[in-house]
Amino acid sequence: MSEIVAADRLEVLVLVDNLTDSLSTTPKNVVPEWTGLVTGGRMHILSGAAICCAHHGLSLLITAHAGGEKRTLLFDAGPESATLLRNAGILGVELGAIEAVVLSHGHWDHAGGLLAAVEAIARDRAAGDVACYVHPGMFAQRALQRPTGELTVFEPVPSPDMLAQAGARVVNTREPQVLGGGAFYLSGEIPRRTAYEVGLPGHVRRAVDGHSWEPDPLLMDERFVSVRVKDKGQFVFSACSHAGLINVLTHARETFPEVPLYGVIGGLHLSGATEKAIPDTVVDLKKLGLKLLAPGHCTGWRALAALARELGEELVPSAVGKRYLI
């Protein structure tokens, strides 16, 4: 991975998340939504129309500054286009500056705004196309099966053909990728090693016959993005952590053994059927010595409470409109 370039600094802007929170205090390097809007001259009167909407899903705008250059990546696109585009407009996002889009895994709450995002970015880009990175396993119909056997069927992910028609140069592969002139690393499939991180119980996908359903708890199409930050270490973006946060961070550390782990942001999916993994996750997480942990989206309040009891100032939960300066 000699192509990887260390960023001088990193900015992460939360475009979509489940939570809105501009009242809690934050460290100096984390700017809440309202503060950012006021200081940036984008909000003069506080009102519902002036602030972002929370929505079940995730979208992060990642900007790496290296050697005088700025490289920008959109990581996921939230559950639907209206929320993504509304929040991006309120936050003053220059969509044309986005060089690439990564879909972390094939779920509606990360892909619902994807077509609109690609269309808007392609329309506003002054030069070149917009690369959209996907995994071939993302496009099967998926659902959650309840104990009764009933299915809650998910909205499908836009197909590669649909993305191409929207203006994307689709990169559909299982293999790891280096993006943004070396600023971003997109992982391949994440090895599953811990005994307690078992994926998403009840998750199923359409079988090849097109009619029946088959178990799909591991969601092997899920991948993470990593950025190396100079004098700090490796910062990891894990949208839902269906692979398990410890599996994600273990793989990131093994991929770049010479670069210490610095932080992670994203959904940890320690809610619902996966809550039983909270104690083991917290124990193993403390061993990694992260300097910044920003859980959001599907993490769940029980996991946040456990993390708050065990961690110190490194815990800064995600919220829509929040900006992390790393």
C-alpha atoms as a PDB file:
ATOM      1  CA  MET A   1       0.000   0.000   0.000  1.00  0.00           C
ATOM      2  CA  SER A   2       2.824   2.381  -0.898  1.00  0.00           C
ATOM      3  CA  GLU A   3       0.263   4.540  -2.757  1.00  0.00           C
ATOM      4  CA  ILE A   4      -1.295   5.701   0.521  1.00  0.00           C
ATOM      5  CA  VAL A   5      -0.635   9.383   1.271  1.00  0.00           C
ATOM      6  CA  ALA A   6      -0.740  10.689   4.839  1.00  0.00           C
ATOM      7  CA  ALA A   7      -3.158  13.596   5.256  1.00  0.00           C
ATOM      8  CA  ASP A   8      -1.929  16.708   7.034  1.00  0.00           C
ATOM      9  CA  ARG A   9      -5.411  17.067   8.462  1.00  0.00           C
ATOM     10  CA  LEU A  10      -8.844  15.515   8.096  1.00  0.00           C
ATOM     11  CA  GLU A  11     -12.356  16.979   8.243  1.00  0.00           C
ATOM     12  CA  VAL A  12     -15.488  14.885   8.703  1.00  0.00           C
ATOM     13  CA  LEU A  13     -18.922  16.459   8.268  1.00  0.00           C
ATOM     14  CA  VAL A  14     -21.979  14.426   9.273  1.00  0.00           C
ATOM     15  CA  LEU A  15     -24.603  14.964   6.563  1.00  0.00           C
ATOM     16  CA  VAL A  16     -27.123  12.380   7.793  1.00  0.00           C
ATOM     17  CA  ASP A  17     -27.422  10.588  11.128  1.00  0.00           C
ATOM     18  CA  ASN A  18     -30.196   9.382  13.430  1.00  0.00           C
ATOM     19  CA  LEU A  19     -29.532  12.082  16.012  1.00  0.00           C
ATOM     20  CA  THR A  20     -29.523  15.877  16.187  1.00  0.00           C
ATOM     21  CA  ASP A  21     -27.618  17.349  19.140  1.00  0.00           C
ATOM     22  CA  SER A  22     -26.301  20.920  19.212  1.00  0.00           C
ATOM     23  CA  LEU A  23     -26.718  21.410  22.972  1.00  0.00           C
ATOM     24  CA  SER A  24     -24.164  18.980  24.387  1.00  0.00           C
ATOM     25  CA  THR A  25     -20.642  20.281  24.984  1.00  0.00           C
ATOM     26  CA  THR A  26     -17.862  19.044  22.691  1.00  0.00           C
ATOM     27  CA  PRO A  27     -14.055  19.175  22.569  1.00  0.00           C
ATOM     28  CA  LYS A  28     -12.490  22.101  20.679  1.00  0.00           C
ATOM     29  CA  ASN A  29     -11.855  19.965  17.602  1.00  0.00           C
ATOM     30  CA  VAL A  30     -15.537  19.004  17.256  1.00  0.00           C
ATOM     31  CA  VAL A  31     -18.003  21.668  16.085  1.00  0.00           C
ATOM     32  CA  PRO A  32     -21.758  21.113  16.701  1.00  0.00           C
ATOM     33  CA  GLU A  33     -24.208  21.895  13.913  1.00  0.00           C
ATOM     34  CA  TRP A  34     -25.676  25.164  15.238  1.00  0.00           C
ATOM     35  CA  THR A  35     -22.270  26.585  16.161  1.00  0.00           C
ATOM     36  CA  GLY A  36     -20.942  25.784  12.718  1.00  0.00           C
ATOM     37  CA  LEU A  37     -23.940  27.362  10.988  1.00  0.00           C
ATOM     38  CA  VAL A  38     -23.707  30.571  13.025  1.00  0.00           C
ATOM     39  CA  THR A  39     -19.932  31.019  12.779  1.00  0.00           C
ATOM     40  CA  GLY A  40     -20.035  30.187   9.082  1.00  0.00           C
ATOM     41  CA  GLY A  41     -22.655  32.859   8.482  1.00  0.00           C
ATOM     42  CA  ARG A  42     -25.223  30.334   7.292  1.00  0.00           C
ATOM     43  CA  MET A  43     -27.786  30.842  10.092  1.00  0.00           C
ATOM     44  CA  HIS A  44     -28.944  34.229  11.380  1.00  0.00           C
ATOM     45  CA  ILE A  45     -32.219  33.144  13.002  1.00  0.00           C
ATOM     46  CA  LEU A  46     -32.603  29.783  14.732  1.00  0.00           C
ATOM     47  CA  SER A  47     -35.580  27.946  13.265  1.00  0.00           C
ATOM     48  CA  GLY A  48     -36.631  24.528  12.084  1.00  0.00           C
ATOM     49  CA  ALA A  49     -36.115  25.547   8.489  1.00  0.00           C
ATOM     50  CA  ALA A  50     -32.529  26.632   9.202  1.00  0.00           C
ATOM     51  CA  ILE A  51     -31.232  23.389  10.699  1.00  0.00           C
ATOM     52  CA  CYS A  52     -30.626  19.850   9.491  1.00  0.00           C
ATOM     53  CA  CYS A  53     -33.011  16.918   9.774  1.00  0.00           C
ATOM     54  CA  ALA A  54     -32.064  13.715  11.545  1.00  0.00           C
ATOM     55  CA  HIS A  55     -33.098  10.524   9.762  1.00  0.00           C
ATOM     56  CA  HIS A  56     -32.408   6.828  10.313  1.00  0.00           C
ATOM     57  CA  GLY A  57     -29.298   6.381   8.210  1.00  0.00           C
ATOM     58  CA  LEU A  58     -25.800   7.705   7.662  1.00  0.00           C
ATOM     59  CA  SER A  59     -23.869   9.912   5.264  1.00  0.00           C
ATOM     60  CA  LEU A  60     -20.427  11.386   5.915  1.00  0.00           C
ATOM     61  CA  LEU A  61     -18.471  13.938   3.896  1.00  0.00           C
ATOM     62  CA  ILE A  62     -14.760  13.187   4.326  1.00  0.00           C
ATOM     63  CA  THR A  63     -12.153  15.761   3.288  1.00  0.00           C
ATOM     64  CA  ALA A  64      -8.429  14.990   3.458  1.00  0.00           C
ATOM     65  CA  HIS A  65      -5.899  17.836   3.167  1.00  0.00           C
ATOM     66  CA  ALA A  66      -2.443  16.737   1.997  1.00  0.00           C
ATOM     67  CA  GLY A  67       0.418  18.699   0.440  1.00  0.00           C
ATOM     68  CA  GLY A  68      -1.766  21.698  -0.348  1.00  0.00           C
ATOM     69  CA  GLU A  69      -4.405  19.563  -2.070  1.00  0.00           C
ATOM     70  CA  LYS A  70      -7.930  18.800  -0.885  1.00  0.00           C
ATOM     71  CA  ARG A  71      -9.559  15.444  -1.668  1.00  0.00           C
ATOM     72  CA  THR A  72     -13.235  14.845  -0.853  1.00  0.00           C
ATOM     73  CA  LEU A  73     -15.193  11.604  -0.566  1.00  0.00           C
ATOM     74  CA  LEU A  74     -18.877  10.949   0.150  1.00  0.00           C
ATOM     75  CA  PHE A  75     -19.266   7.890   2.371  1.00  0.00           C
ATOM     76  CA  ASP A  76     -22.855   6.628   2.067  1.00  0.00           C
ATOM     77  CA  ALA A  77     -25.878   8.727   1.141  1.00  0.00           C
ATOM     78  CA  GLY A  78     -28.470   8.267   3.884  1.00  0.00           C
ATOM     79  CA  PRO A  79     -31.971   6.786   3.573  1.00  0.00           C
ATOM     80  CA  GLU A  80     -33.504   9.134   0.996  1.00  0.00           C
ATOM     81  CA  SER A  81     -32.616  11.970  -1.314  1.00  0.00           C
ATOM     82  CA  ALA A  82     -34.657  14.770   0.273  1.00  0.00           C
ATOM     83  CA  THR A  83     -32.849  14.552   3.622  1.00  0.00           C
ATOM     84  CA  LEU A  84     -29.397  14.291   2.073  1.00  0.00           C
ATOM     85  CA  LEU A  85     -29.819  17.201  -0.345  1.00  0.00           C
ATOM     86  CA  ARG A  86     -31.604  19.393   2.213  1.00  0.00           C
ATOM     87  CA  ASN A  87     -28.884  18.908   4.821  1.00  0.00           C
ATOM     88  CA  ALA A  88     -26.102  19.352   2.273  1.00  0.00           C
ATOM     89  CA  GLY A  89     -27.647  22.664   1.194  1.00  0.00           C
ATOM     90  CA  ILE A  90     -28.024  23.930   4.758  1.00  0.00           C
ATOM     91  CA  LEU A  91     -24.434  22.970   5.572  1.00  0.00           C
ATOM     92  CA  GLY A  92     -23.084  24.643   2.431  1.00  0.00           C
ATOM     93  CA  VAL A  93     -21.601  21.506   0.879  1.00  0.00           C
ATOM     94  CA  GLU A  94     -20.000  21.975  -2.546  1.00  0.00           C
ATOM     95  CA  LEU A  95     -21.226  18.803  -4.202  1.00  0.00           C
ATOM     96  CA  GLY A  96     -19.072  19.402  -7.267  1.00  0.00           C
ATOM     97  CA  ALA A  97     -15.932  19.061  -5.137  1.00  0.00           C
ATOM     98  CA  ILE A  98     -16.734  15.421  -4.325  1.00  0.00           C
ATOM     99  CA  GLU A  99     -14.415  13.140  -6.317  1.00  0.00           C
ATOM    100  CA  ALA A 100     -15.826   9.772  -5.344  1.00  0.00           C
ATOM    101  CA  VAL A 101     -18.739   8.085  -3.589  1.00  0.00           C
ATOM    102  CA  VAL A 102     -18.450   4.906  -1.527  1.00  0.00           C
ATOM    103  CA  LEU A 103     -21.432   2.771  -0.549  1.00  0.00           C
ATOM    104  CA  SER A 104     -20.375   0.883   2.580  1.00  0.00           C
ATOM    105  CA  HIS A 105     -22.903  -1.963   2.219  1.00  0.00           C
ATOM    106  CA  GLY A 106     -26.178  -2.797   0.548  1.00  0.00           C
ATOM    107  CA  HIS A 107     -28.838  -1.394   2.892  1.00  0.00           C
ATOM    108  CA  TRP A 108     -31.531   1.193   2.150  1.00  0.00           C
ATOM    109  CA  ASP A 109     -30.595   3.526   5.032  1.00  0.00           C
ATOM    110  CA  HIS A 110     -27.187   4.098   3.409  1.00  0.00           C
ATOM    111  CA  ALA A 111     -28.198   3.870  -0.252  1.00  0.00           C
ATOM    112  CA  GLY A 112     -31.605   5.589  -0.398  1.00  0.00           C
ATOM    113  CA  GLY A 113     -30.073   8.936  -1.371  1.00  0.00           C
ATOM    114  CA  LEU A 114     -27.367   7.466  -3.606  1.00  0.00           C
ATOM    115  CA  LEU A 115     -28.880   8.121  -7.039  1.00  0.00           C
ATOM    116  CA  ALA A 116     -29.717  11.737  -6.168  1.00  0.00           C
ATOM    117  CA  ALA A 117     -26.231  12.246  -4.733  1.00  0.00           C
ATOM    118  CA  VAL A 118     -24.549  10.916  -7.879  1.00  0.00           C
ATOM    119  CA  GLU A 119     -26.799  13.025 -10.122  1.00  0.00           C
ATOM    120  CA  ALA A 120     -26.119  16.199  -8.129  1.00  0.00           C
ATOM    121  CA  ILE A 121     -22.365  15.605  -7.952  1.00  0.00           C
ATOM    122  CA  ALA A 122     -22.101  14.762 -11.662  1.00  0.00           C
ATOM    123  CA  ARG A 123     -24.104  17.885 -12.543  1.00  0.00           C
ATOM    124  CA  ASP A 124     -21.938  20.193 -10.425  1.00  0.00           C
ATOM    125  CA  ARG A 125     -18.503  18.735 -11.179  1.00  0.00           C
ATOM    126  CA  ALA A 126     -16.433  21.067 -13.350  1.00  0.00           C
ATOM    127  CA  ALA A 127     -14.174  18.301 -14.660  1.00  0.00           C
ATOM    128  CA  GLY A 128     -14.104  14.521 -14.731  1.00  0.00           C
ATOM    129  CA  ASP A 129     -16.667  11.926 -13.749  1.00  0.00           C
ATOM    130  CA  VAL A 130     -17.578  10.779 -10.254  1.00  0.00           C
ATOM    131  CA  ALA A 131     -16.414   7.302  -9.297  1.00  0.00           C
ATOM    132  CA  CYS A 132     -18.931   5.253  -7.311  1.00  0.00           C
ATOM    133  CA  TYR A 133     -17.515   2.253  -5.442  1.00  0.00           C
ATOM    134  CA  VAL A 134     -19.830  -0.677  -4.772  1.00  0.00           C
ATOM    135  CA  HIS A 135     -19.555  -4.405  -4.038  1.00  0.00           C
ATOM    136  CA  PRO A 136     -21.295  -7.031  -6.237  1.00  0.00           C
ATOM    137  CA  GLY A 137     -22.986  -8.541  -3.174  1.00  0.00           C
ATOM    138  CA  MET A 138     -24.958  -5.346  -2.475  1.00  0.00           C
ATOM    139  CA  PHE A 139     -27.614  -5.785  -5.113  1.00  0.00           C
ATOM    140  CA  ALA A 140     -29.602  -8.821  -3.962  1.00  0.00           C
ATOM    141  CA  GLN A 141     -33.025  -8.192  -2.421  1.00  0.00           C
ATOM    142  CA  ARG A 142     -32.713  -8.215   1.382  1.00  0.00           C
ATOM    143  CA  ALA A 143     -35.027  -8.423   4.363  1.00  0.00           C
ATOM    144  CA  LEU A 144     -35.242  -9.016   8.099  1.00  0.00           C
ATOM    145  CA  GLN A 145     -37.085 -12.139   9.203  1.00  0.00           C
ATOM    146  CA  ARG A 146     -38.995 -11.882  12.459  1.00  0.00           C
ATOM    147  CA  PRO A 147     -39.274 -14.831  14.898  1.00  0.00           C
ATOM    148  CA  THR A 148     -42.796 -15.359  13.504  1.00  0.00           C
ATOM    149  CA  GLY A 149     -41.317 -15.898  10.036  1.00  0.00           C
ATOM    150  CA  GLU A 150     -42.747 -12.626   8.677  1.00  0.00           C
ATOM    151  CA  LEU A 151     -40.399 -10.559   6.520  1.00  0.00           C
ATOM    152  CA  THR A 152     -39.687  -6.839   6.514  1.00  0.00           C
ATOM    153  CA  VAL A 153     -38.390  -6.362   2.968  1.00  0.00           C
ATOM    154  CA  PHE A 154     -35.804  -3.632   2.287  1.00  0.00           C
ATOM    155  CA  GLU A 155     -35.849  -1.101  -0.522  1.00  0.00           C
ATOM    156  CA  PRO A 156     -33.293  -2.340  -3.091  1.00  0.00           C
ATOM    157  CA  VAL A 157     -29.976  -0.639  -3.722  1.00  0.00           C
ATOM    158  CA  PRO A 158     -29.779   1.235  -7.074  1.00  0.00           C
ATOM    159  CA  SER A 159     -28.267  -1.069  -9.678  1.00  0.00           C
ATOM    160  CA  PRO A 160     -24.914  -0.402 -11.373  1.00  0.00           C
ATOM    161  CA  ASP A 161     -26.785   0.479 -14.582  1.00  0.00           C
ATOM    162  CA  MET A 162     -28.937   3.012 -12.731  1.00  0.00           C
ATOM    163  CA  LEU A 163     -25.861   4.560 -11.123  1.00  0.00           C
ATOM    164  CA  ALA A 164     -24.105   4.783 -14.487  1.00  0.00           C
ATOM    165  CA  GLN A 165     -27.155   6.472 -16.041  1.00  0.00           C
ATOM    166  CA  ALA A 166     -27.102   8.964 -13.157  1.00  0.00           C
ATOM    167  CA  GLY A 167     -23.544   9.947 -14.097  1.00  0.00           C
ATOM    168  CA  ALA A 168     -21.293   7.583 -12.131  1.00  0.00           C
ATOM    169  CA  ARG A 169     -18.252   5.644 -13.228  1.00  0.00           C
ATOM    170  CA  VAL A 170     -19.175   2.486 -11.351  1.00  0.00           C
ATOM    171  CA  VAL A 171     -16.380   0.461  -9.743  1.00  0.00           C
ATOM    172  CA  ASN A 172     -18.059  -2.818  -8.786  1.00  0.00           C
ATOM    173  CA  THR A 173     -15.500  -5.004  -7.012  1.00  0.00           C
ATOM    174  CA  ARG A 174     -14.729  -7.009  -3.892  1.00  0.00           C
ATOM    175  CA  GLU A 175     -11.089  -5.929  -3.933  1.00  0.00           C
ATOM    176  CA  PRO A 176      -9.598  -3.143  -1.787  1.00  0.00           C
ATOM    177  CA  GLN A 177      -9.095   0.200  -3.519  1.00  0.00           C
ATOM    178  CA  VAL A 178      -6.985   3.326  -3.072  1.00  0.00           C
ATOM    179  CA  LEU A 179      -8.945   6.512  -3.858  1.00  0.00           C
ATOM    180  CA  GLY A 180      -8.414  10.249  -4.000  1.00  0.00           C
ATOM    181  CA  GLY A 181      -4.807  10.177  -5.142  1.00  0.00           C
ATOM    182  CA  GLY A 182      -3.895   7.918  -2.230  1.00  0.00           C
ATOM    183  CA  ALA A 183      -5.785   9.829   0.481  1.00  0.00           C
ATOM    184  CA  PHE A 184      -8.432   7.132   1.072  1.00  0.00           C
ATOM    185  CA  TYR A 185      -8.204   3.368   1.475  1.00  0.00           C
ATOM    186  CA  LEU A 186     -11.346   1.307   0.841  1.00  0.00           C
ATOM    187  CA  SER A 187     -11.084  -2.153   2.367  1.00  0.00           C
ATOM    188  CA  GLY A 188     -11.962  -5.461   0.820  1.00  0.00           C
ATOM    189  CA  GLU A 189     -14.210  -7.941   2.624  1.00  0.00           C
ATOM    190  CA  ILE A 190     -13.633  -7.928   6.388  1.00  0.00           C
ATOM    191  CA  PRO A 191     -12.496 -11.201   8.034  1.00  0.00           C
ATOM    192  CA  ARG A 192     -14.759 -12.386  10.870  1.00  0.00           C
ATOM    193  CA  ARG A 193     -12.686 -13.572  13.829  1.00  0.00           C
ATOM    194  CA  THR A 194     -14.252 -12.671  17.167  1.00  0.00           C
ATOM    195  CA  ALA A 195     -16.597 -15.217  18.721  1.00  0.00           C
ATOM    196  CA  TYR A 196     -19.157 -12.643  19.829  1.00  0.00           C
ATOM    197  CA  GLU A 197     -19.542 -10.557  16.633  1.00  0.00           C
ATOM    198  CA  VAL A 198     -21.994 -12.716  14.705  1.00  0.00           C
ATOM    199  CA  GLY A 199     -23.438 -10.260  12.203  1.00  0.00           C
ATOM    200  CA  LEU A 200     -27.130  -9.396  12.004  1.00  0.00           C
ATOM    201  CA  PRO A 201     -29.415 -12.207  13.219  1.00  0.00           C
ATOM    202  CA  GLY A 202     -32.508 -12.691  11.054  1.00  0.00           C
ATOM    203  CA  HIS A 203     -30.984 -10.951   8.034  1.00  0.00           C
ATOM    204  CA  VAL A 204     -31.848 -12.771   4.790  1.00  0.00           C
ATOM    205  CA  ARG A 205     -31.421 -12.313   1.042  1.00  0.00           C
ATOM    206  CA  ARG A 206     -33.112 -13.607  -2.093  1.00  0.00           C
ATOM    207  CA  ALA A 207     -31.734 -16.936  -3.228  1.00  0.00           C
ATOM    208  CA  VAL A 208     -30.548 -17.439  -6.801  1.00  0.00           C
ATOM    209  CA  ASP A 209     -33.909 -18.963  -7.733  1.00  0.00           C
ATOM    210  CA  GLY A 210     -35.432 -15.483  -7.316  1.00  0.00           C
ATOM    211  CA  HIS A 211     -38.223 -16.718  -5.034  1.00  0.00           C
ATOM    212  CA  SER A 212     -36.936 -18.233  -1.793  1.00  0.00           C
ATOM    213  CA  TRP A 213     -34.885 -16.526   0.922  1.00  0.00           C
ATOM    214  CA  GLU A 214     -31.577 -17.620   2.452  1.00  0.00           C
ATOM    215  CA  PRO A 215     -29.731 -16.573   5.647  1.00  0.00           C
ATOM    216  CA  ASP A 216     -27.346 -13.642   5.197  1.00  0.00           C
ATOM    217  CA  PRO A 217     -26.260 -12.621   8.721  1.00  0.00           C
ATOM    218  CA  LEU A 218     -22.640 -11.743   7.852  1.00  0.00           C
ATOM    219  CA  LEU A 219     -23.266  -9.137   5.120  1.00  0.00           C
ATOM    220  CA  MET A 220     -19.913  -9.818   3.513  1.00  0.00           C
ATOM    221  CA  ASP A 221     -20.362  -6.859   1.157  1.00  0.00           C
ATOM    222  CA  GLU A 222     -19.670  -4.441   4.039  1.00  0.00           C
ATOM    223  CA  ARG A 223     -16.391  -2.483   3.833  1.00  0.00           C
ATOM    224  CA  PHE A 224     -14.710   0.381   5.677  1.00  0.00           C
ATOM    225  CA  VAL A 225     -12.731   3.450   4.612  1.00  0.00           C
ATOM    226  CA  SER A 226      -9.464   4.415   6.298  1.00  0.00           C
ATOM    227  CA  VAL A 227      -7.429   7.631   6.237  1.00  0.00           C
ATOM    228  CA  ARG A 228      -3.872   7.960   7.518  1.00  0.00           C
ATOM    229  CA  VAL A 229      -3.410  11.264   9.365  1.00  0.00           C
ATOM    230  CA  LYS A 230       0.113  12.578   9.828  1.00  0.00           C
ATOM    231  CA  ASP A 231       1.452  12.438  13.428  1.00  0.00           C
ATOM    232  CA  LYS A 232      -1.802  10.818  14.608  1.00  0.00           C
ATOM    233  CA  GLY A 233      -2.484   7.502  12.914  1.00  0.00           C
ATOM    234  CA  GLN A 234      -5.272   5.681  11.146  1.00  0.00           C
ATOM    235  CA  PHE A 235      -8.837   7.011  11.254  1.00  0.00           C
ATOM    236  CA  VAL A 236     -11.494   4.457  10.304  1.00  0.00           C
ATOM    237  CA  PHE A 237     -14.995   4.998   8.882  1.00  0.00           C
ATOM    238  CA  SER A 238     -17.310   2.068   9.653  1.00  0.00           C
ATOM    239  CA  ALA A 239     -20.841   2.822   8.564  1.00  0.00           C
ATOM    240  CA  CYS A 240     -22.750   0.048  10.344  1.00  0.00           C
ATOM    241  CA  SER A 241     -20.110  -2.362  11.660  1.00  0.00           C
ATOM    242  CA  HIS A 242     -22.178  -5.427  10.769  1.00  0.00           C
ATOM    243  CA  ALA A 243     -18.823  -7.210  10.702  1.00  0.00           C
ATOM    244  CA  GLY A 244     -18.382  -6.164  14.341  1.00  0.00           C
ATOM    245  CA  LEU A 245     -16.388  -3.098  15.372  1.00  0.00           C
ATOM    246  CA  ILE A 246     -13.522  -5.160  16.761  1.00  0.00           C
ATOM    247  CA  ASN A 247     -13.283  -7.194  13.547  1.00  0.00           C
ATOM    248  CA  VAL A 248     -13.259  -3.920  11.576  1.00  0.00           C
ATOM    249  CA  LEU A 249     -10.513  -2.318  13.665  1.00  0.00           C
ATOM    250  CA  THR A 250      -8.474  -5.521  13.826  1.00  0.00           C
ATOM    251  CA  HIS A 251      -8.493  -5.760  10.031  1.00  0.00           C
ATOM    252  CA  ALA A 252      -7.581  -2.071   9.691  1.00  0.00           C
ATOM    253  CA  ARG A 253      -4.637  -2.517  12.066  1.00  0.00           C
ATOM    254  CA  GLU A 254      -3.449  -5.649  10.260  1.00  0.00           C
ATOM    255  CA  THR A 255      -3.710  -3.913   6.883  1.00  0.00           C
ATOM    256  CA  PHE A 256      -1.462  -1.071   8.081  1.00  0.00           C
ATOM    257  CA  PRO A 257       0.512  -2.572  10.992  1.00  0.00           C
ATOM    258  CA  GLU A 258       2.974   0.324  11.005  1.00  0.00           C
ATOM    259  CA  VAL A 259       0.190   2.911  11.532  1.00  0.00           C
ATOM    260  CA  PRO A 260      -1.467   3.085  14.981  1.00  0.00           C
ATOM    261  CA  LEU A 261      -5.234   3.281  15.221  1.00  0.00           C
ATOM    262  CA  TYR A 262      -6.314   6.816  16.092  1.00  0.00           C
ATOM    263  CA  GLY A 263     -10.099   6.892  15.867  1.00  0.00           C
ATOM    264  CA  VAL A 264     -13.326   5.604  14.365  1.00  0.00           C
ATOM    265  CA  ILE A 265     -16.666   7.108  13.376  1.00  0.00           C
ATOM    266  CA  GLY A 266     -19.880   5.436  12.268  1.00  0.00           C
ATOM    267  CA  GLY A 267     -22.621   3.097  13.358  1.00  0.00           C
ATOM    268  CA  LEU A 268     -21.533   0.317  15.693  1.00  0.00           C
ATOM    269  CA  HIS A 269     -24.775  -1.707  15.423  1.00  0.00           C
ATOM    270  CA  LEU A 270     -24.892  -2.725  19.063  1.00  0.00           C
ATOM    271  CA  SER A 271     -28.665  -2.427  19.262  1.00  0.00           C
ATOM    272  CA  GLY A 272     -31.509  -4.913  19.173  1.00  0.00           C
ATOM    273  CA  ALA A 273     -30.403  -8.502  18.632  1.00  0.00           C
ATOM    274  CA  THR A 274     -26.714  -7.493  18.776  1.00  0.00           C
ATOM    275  CA  GLU A 275     -26.863  -5.871  22.230  1.00  0.00           C
ATOM    276  CA  LYS A 276     -25.436  -9.045  23.783  1.00  0.00           C
ATOM    277  CA  ALA A 277     -22.086  -8.127  22.196  1.00  0.00           C
ATOM    278  CA  ILE A 278     -21.831  -4.817  24.117  1.00  0.00           C
ATOM    279  CA  PRO A 279     -19.772  -6.021  27.146  1.00  0.00           C
ATOM    280  CA  ASP A 280     -17.150  -7.868  25.063  1.00  0.00           C
ATOM    281  CA  THR A 281     -16.947  -5.013  22.569  1.00  0.00           C
ATOM    282  CA  VAL A 282     -16.313  -2.438  25.288  1.00  0.00           C
ATOM    283  CA  VAL A 283     -13.602  -4.585  26.905  1.00  0.00           C
ATOM    284  CA  ASP A 284     -11.768  -5.133  23.602  1.00  0.00           C
ATOM    285  CA  LEU A 285     -12.255  -1.542  22.486  1.00  0.00           C
ATOM    286  CA  LYS A 286     -10.532  -0.202  25.583  1.00  0.00           C
ATOM    287  CA  LYS A 287      -7.471  -2.300  24.714  1.00  0.00           C
ATOM    288  CA  LEU A 288      -7.084  -0.511  21.371  1.00  0.00           C
ATOM    289  CA  GLY A 289      -6.374   2.879  22.965  1.00  0.00           C
ATOM    290  CA  LEU A 290      -8.316   5.029  20.498  1.00  0.00           C
ATOM    291  CA  LYS A 291      -8.053   8.803  20.845  1.00  0.00           C
ATOM    292  CA  LEU A 292     -11.455   9.521  19.280  1.00  0.00           C
ATOM    293  CA  LEU A 293     -14.605   7.388  19.153  1.00  0.00           C
ATOM    294  CA  ALA A 294     -17.651   8.880  17.421  1.00  0.00           C
ATOM    295  CA  PRO A 295     -20.457   6.312  17.459  1.00  0.00           C
ATOM    296  CA  GLY A 296     -23.729   7.163  15.745  1.00  0.00           C
ATOM    297  CA  HIS A 297     -26.569   5.871  13.572  1.00  0.00           C
ATOM    298  CA  CYS A 298     -27.324   2.250  14.625  1.00  0.00           C
ATOM    299  CA  THR A 299     -25.131   2.113  17.744  1.00  0.00           C
ATOM    300  CA  GLY A 300     -28.059   2.221  20.186  1.00  0.00           C
ATOM    301  CA  TRP A 301     -28.494   3.938  23.533  1.00  0.00           C
ATOM    302  CA  ARG A 302     -27.524   0.902  25.621  1.00  0.00           C
ATOM    303  CA  ALA A 303     -24.128   0.734  23.914  1.00  0.00           C
ATOM    304  CA  LEU A 304     -23.644   4.501  24.223  1.00  0.00           C
ATOM    305  CA  ALA A 305     -24.393   4.303  27.953  1.00  0.00           C
ATOM    306  CA  ALA A 306     -21.882   1.469  28.397  1.00  0.00           C
ATOM    307  CA  LEU A 307     -19.218   3.342  26.423  1.00  0.00           C
ATOM    308  CA  ALA A 308     -19.837   6.515  28.431  1.00  0.00           C
ATOM    309  CA  ARG A 309     -19.259   4.602  31.680  1.00  0.00           C
ATOM    310  CA  GLU A 310     -15.983   3.094  30.506  1.00  0.00           C
ATOM    311  CA  LEU A 311     -14.382   5.726  28.264  1.00  0.00           C
ATOM    312  CA  GLY A 312     -13.214   9.283  28.820  1.00  0.00           C
ATOM    313  CA  GLU A 313     -12.968  12.341  26.602  1.00  0.00           C
ATOM    314  CA  GLU A 314     -12.298  10.171  23.546  1.00  0.00           C
ATOM    315  CA  LEU A 315     -16.042   9.479  23.313  1.00  0.00           C
ATOM    316  CA  VAL A 316     -17.728  12.169  21.172  1.00  0.00           C
ATOM    317  CA  PRO A 317     -20.965  10.712  19.710  1.00  0.00           C
ATOM    318  CA  SER A 318     -21.954  11.610  16.169  1.00  0.00           C
ATOM    319  CA  ALA A 319     -24.904  13.859  15.305  1.00  0.00           C
ATOM    320  CA  VAL A 320     -26.171  15.432  12.100  1.00  0.00           C
ATOM    321  CA  GLY A 321     -24.308  18.610  11.130  1.00  0.00           C
ATOM    322  CA  LYS A 322     -21.414  17.917  13.492  1.00  0.00           C
ATOM    323  CA  ARG A 323     -17.908  18.561  12.123  1.00  0.00           C
ATOM    324  CA  TYR A 324     -14.821  16.682  13.346  1.00  0.00           C
ATOM    325  CA  LEU A 325     -11.403  18.306  12.792  1.00  0.00           C
ATOM    326  CA  ILE A 326      -8.633  15.725  13.029  1.00  0.00           C
END
